[in-house]
Amino acid sequence: MSKPARKTVPNDLSVGEMAKRAGVAVSTLHYYESEGLITSWRTPSNHRRYDRRELRRVSVIRVAQTLGIPLAEVREVLHHVPQGAAVGKADWADASALWRDEIDRRMALLDKLRSQLDHCMGCGCLSLENCPLYNPGDALARQGAGPRRWLGAADKDSAG
C-alpha cells in the first residue's frame, strides 16, 4: 500500500531501483504491495519510492517462496516485523519463531522422502516386485487418493 506523499530521502529507492536491487520485476513489487507484504510512498510528483529497508522484506518473501511457504504465512511473519523503522535481531528472531515448527516439520518430511525415494510410498502403483509397502488389490484406495502411507505418516508426524 502506498503511503502519502513525502520528500525523497537519499536512501530511498525508485521502483526500478528497488526491482533491480531485489532481483524481481516491477510488477512483482506491485503485487507484493497489493498483498500488504511491502509498502511504498509517493513523492510530491507522484513517483513511487521504497524505503531501502523494504529490501529485507522482499528477500524474506523470495526465500520463503522458494521453500514453498504460502504468501499468507509470509504476511503473518512480516506482520510481526517493524516497518519503517530499524529492525533488530530480536525482531527477526521473534518473527521467525512462527516458522520454526513448520520448518522442522518440512525438514522431517524431506528427510523421510530422501530416504524413501527408491521405494514406493503407498501410492497404489502395485509395483509388487519392488514395493516394500505392498498394497494388495489397491486396498489403500479405500483410504483416499494419493500416497496414503506417506500422507498417513505425515499426519502422524505433525500430530506428534
Protein backbone atom coordinates (compact mmCIF):
# COMPACT_ATOMS: atom_id res chain seq x y z
CA MET A 1 0.00 0.00 0.00
CA SER A 2 1.33 3.40 -0.89
CA LYS A 3 1.74 5.93 1.85
CA PRO A 4 1.01 9.65 1.44
CA ALA A 5 3.47 11.83 -0.49
CA ARG A 6 6.66 12.94 1.24
CA LYS A 7 10.02 14.35 0.34
CA THR A 8 12.59 11.99 -1.13
CA VAL A 9 15.25 10.72 1.26
CA PRO A 10 18.68 9.86 -0.25
CA ASN A 11 18.47 6.16 0.74
CA ASP A 12 15.01 5.67 -0.72
CA LEU A 13 14.74 3.69 -3.95
CA SER A 14 12.64 4.27 -7.03
CA VAL A 15 10.50 1.35 -8.13
CA GLY A 16 13.02 0.49 -10.86
CA GLU A 17 15.96 0.66 -8.46
CA MET A 18 14.10 -1.45 -5.93
CA ALA A 19 13.21 -4.07 -8.54
CA LYS A 20 16.79 -4.23 -9.82
CA ARG A 21 18.31 -4.42 -6.34
CA ALA A 22 15.78 -7.05 -5.16
CA GLY A 23 16.09 -9.11 -8.35
CA VAL A 24 12.36 -9.04 -9.13
CA ALA A 25 10.15 -7.46 -11.75
CA VAL A 26 8.45 -4.15 -11.06
CA SER A 27 5.12 -5.97 -11.37
CA THR A 28 6.24 -8.32 -8.58
CA LEU A 29 6.82 -5.36 -6.27
CA HIS A 30 3.38 -4.03 -7.14
CA TYR A 31 1.90 -7.46 -6.39
CA TYR A 32 3.69 -7.70 -3.04
CA GLU A 33 2.33 -4.26 -2.21
CA SER A 34 -1.20 -5.20 -3.18
CA GLU A 35 -0.86 -8.23 -0.88
CA GLY A 36 0.24 -6.00 2.01
CA LEU A 37 3.72 -7.52 2.21
CA ILE A 38 5.67 -4.32 1.49
CA THR A 39 4.87 -0.62 1.36
CA SER A 40 5.92 2.35 -0.72
CA TRP A 41 5.18 6.02 -0.68
CA ARG A 42 4.77 8.73 -3.30
CA THR A 43 6.82 11.84 -3.94
CA PRO A 44 5.01 15.15 -4.49
CA SER A 45 5.41 14.46 -8.23
CA ASN A 46 3.66 11.07 -7.68
CA HIS A 47 6.72 8.86 -8.17
CA ARG A 48 6.72 5.66 -6.16
CA ARG A 49 9.54 5.24 -3.66
CA TYR A 50 10.60 2.46 -1.32
CA ASP A 51 12.42 2.72 1.94
CA ARG A 52 15.67 0.77 1.46
CA ARG A 53 14.71 -1.39 4.45
CA GLU A 54 11.94 -2.93 2.33
CA LEU A 55 14.69 -4.89 0.53
CA ARG A 56 14.97 -7.18 3.53
CA ARG A 57 11.23 -7.86 3.43
CA VAL A 58 11.42 -8.69 -0.29
CA SER A 59 14.35 -11.03 0.41
CA VAL A 60 12.36 -12.84 3.08
CA ILE A 61 9.42 -13.17 0.70
CA ARG A 62 11.59 -14.57 -2.09
CA VAL A 63 13.36 -17.09 0.14
CA ALA A 64 10.03 -18.21 1.61
CA GLN A 65 8.57 -18.66 -1.86
CA THR A 66 11.49 -20.84 -2.94
CA LEU A 67 10.72 -23.04 0.09
CA GLY A 68 7.05 -23.27 -0.86
CA ILE A 69 5.79 -21.17 2.05
CA PRO A 70 2.47 -19.57 1.09
CA LEU A 71 2.29 -15.78 0.98
CA ALA A 72 -0.38 -15.81 3.69
CA GLU A 73 2.19 -17.31 6.08
CA VAL A 74 4.85 -14.85 4.89
CA ARG A 75 2.43 -12.00 5.57
CA GLU A 76 1.82 -13.28 9.09
CA VAL A 77 5.54 -13.34 9.83
CA LEU A 78 6.19 -9.94 8.26
CA HIS A 79 3.31 -8.50 10.26
CA HIS A 80 5.47 -9.07 13.36
CA VAL A 81 8.45 -7.16 11.92
CA PRO A 82 8.53 -3.37 12.40
CA GLN A 83 8.10 -1.44 9.18
CA GLY A 84 9.67 1.95 8.50
CA ALA A 85 11.99 1.57 11.49
CA ALA A 86 15.24 -0.19 12.25
CA VAL A 87 14.70 -3.92 12.62
CA GLY A 88 16.84 -5.64 15.21
CA LYS A 89 17.98 -9.21 15.62
CA ALA A 90 15.34 -9.78 18.31
CA ASP A 91 12.59 -8.58 15.94
CA TRP A 92 13.62 -11.17 13.31
CA ALA A 93 14.03 -13.88 15.93
CA ASP A 94 10.51 -13.26 17.25
CA ALA A 95 9.00 -13.21 13.78
CA SER A 96 10.88 -16.28 12.55
CA ALA A 97 9.80 -18.27 15.62
CA LEU A 98 6.42 -18.53 13.89
CA TRP A 99 8.08 -20.64 11.20
CA ARG A 100 10.33 -22.84 13.30
CA ASP A 101 7.85 -25.68 13.91
CA GLU A 102 6.71 -25.66 10.29
CA ILE A 103 10.28 -25.69 9.03
CA ASP A 104 11.14 -28.56 11.38
CA ARG A 105 8.09 -30.50 10.12
CA ARG A 106 9.05 -29.90 6.49
CA MET A 107 12.65 -30.91 7.15
CA ALA A 108 11.49 -34.17 8.71
CA LEU A 109 9.26 -34.90 5.72
CA LEU A 110 12.02 -34.04 3.25
CA ASP A 111 14.42 -36.31 5.13
CA LYS A 112 11.87 -39.11 5.02
CA LEU A 113 11.29 -38.51 1.32
CA ARG A 114 15.02 -38.59 0.61
CA SER A 115 15.37 -41.91 2.41
CA GLN A 116 12.40 -43.42 0.56
CA LEU A 117 12.89 -42.07 -2.95
CA ASP A 118 13.86 -45.50 -4.21
CA HIS A 119 10.80 -47.15 -2.61
CA CYS A 120 7.09 -46.99 -3.13
CA MET A 121 5.23 -44.60 -0.83
CA GLY A 122 1.92 -46.45 -0.91
CA CYS A 123 0.63 -44.72 -3.99
CA GLY A 124 -1.21 -47.72 -5.33
CA CYS A 125 1.18 -48.32 -8.23
CA LEU A 126 1.13 -52.05 -7.48
CA SER A 127 4.83 -52.47 -8.25
CA LEU A 128 4.82 -55.79 -6.44
CA GLU A 129 8.36 -56.79 -7.34
CA ASN A 130 9.96 -53.71 -5.78
CA CYS A 131 7.41 -52.27 -3.37
CA PRO A 132 8.25 -52.86 0.32
CA LEU A 133 4.85 -51.43 1.20
CA TYR A 134 2.87 -53.95 -0.87
CA ASN A 135 -0.67 -52.80 -1.49
CA PRO A 136 -2.66 -55.92 -2.50
CA GLY A 137 -5.72 -55.21 -4.55
CA ASP A 138 -5.04 -51.49 -4.16
CA ALA A 139 -6.62 -51.64 -0.69
CA LEU A 140 -5.19 -48.24 0.13
CA ALA A 141 -7.54 -46.66 -2.42
CA ARG A 142 -10.36 -47.09 0.13
CA GLN A 143 -8.49 -44.64 2.39
CA GLY A 144 -8.47 -41.91 -0.26
CA ALA A 145 -6.44 -40.63 -3.16
CA GLY A 146 -2.72 -40.13 -3.27
CA PRO A 147 0.21 -41.69 -1.42
CA ARG A 148 -1.75 -42.99 1.56
CA ARG A 149 1.09 -44.41 3.63
CA TRP A 150 3.12 -41.28 3.05
CA LEU A 151 0.22 -38.96 3.91
CA GLY A 152 -0.77 -41.01 6.94
CA ALA A 153 2.79 -40.92 8.26
CA ALA A 154 2.96 -37.18 7.62
CA ASP A 155 -0.28 -36.69 9.55
CA LYS A 156 1.10 -38.76 12.45
CA ASP A 157 4.42 -36.88 12.34
CA SER A 158 2.70 -33.49 12.52
CA ALA A 159 0.36 -34.62 15.31
CA GLY A 160 3.21 -35.92 17.46
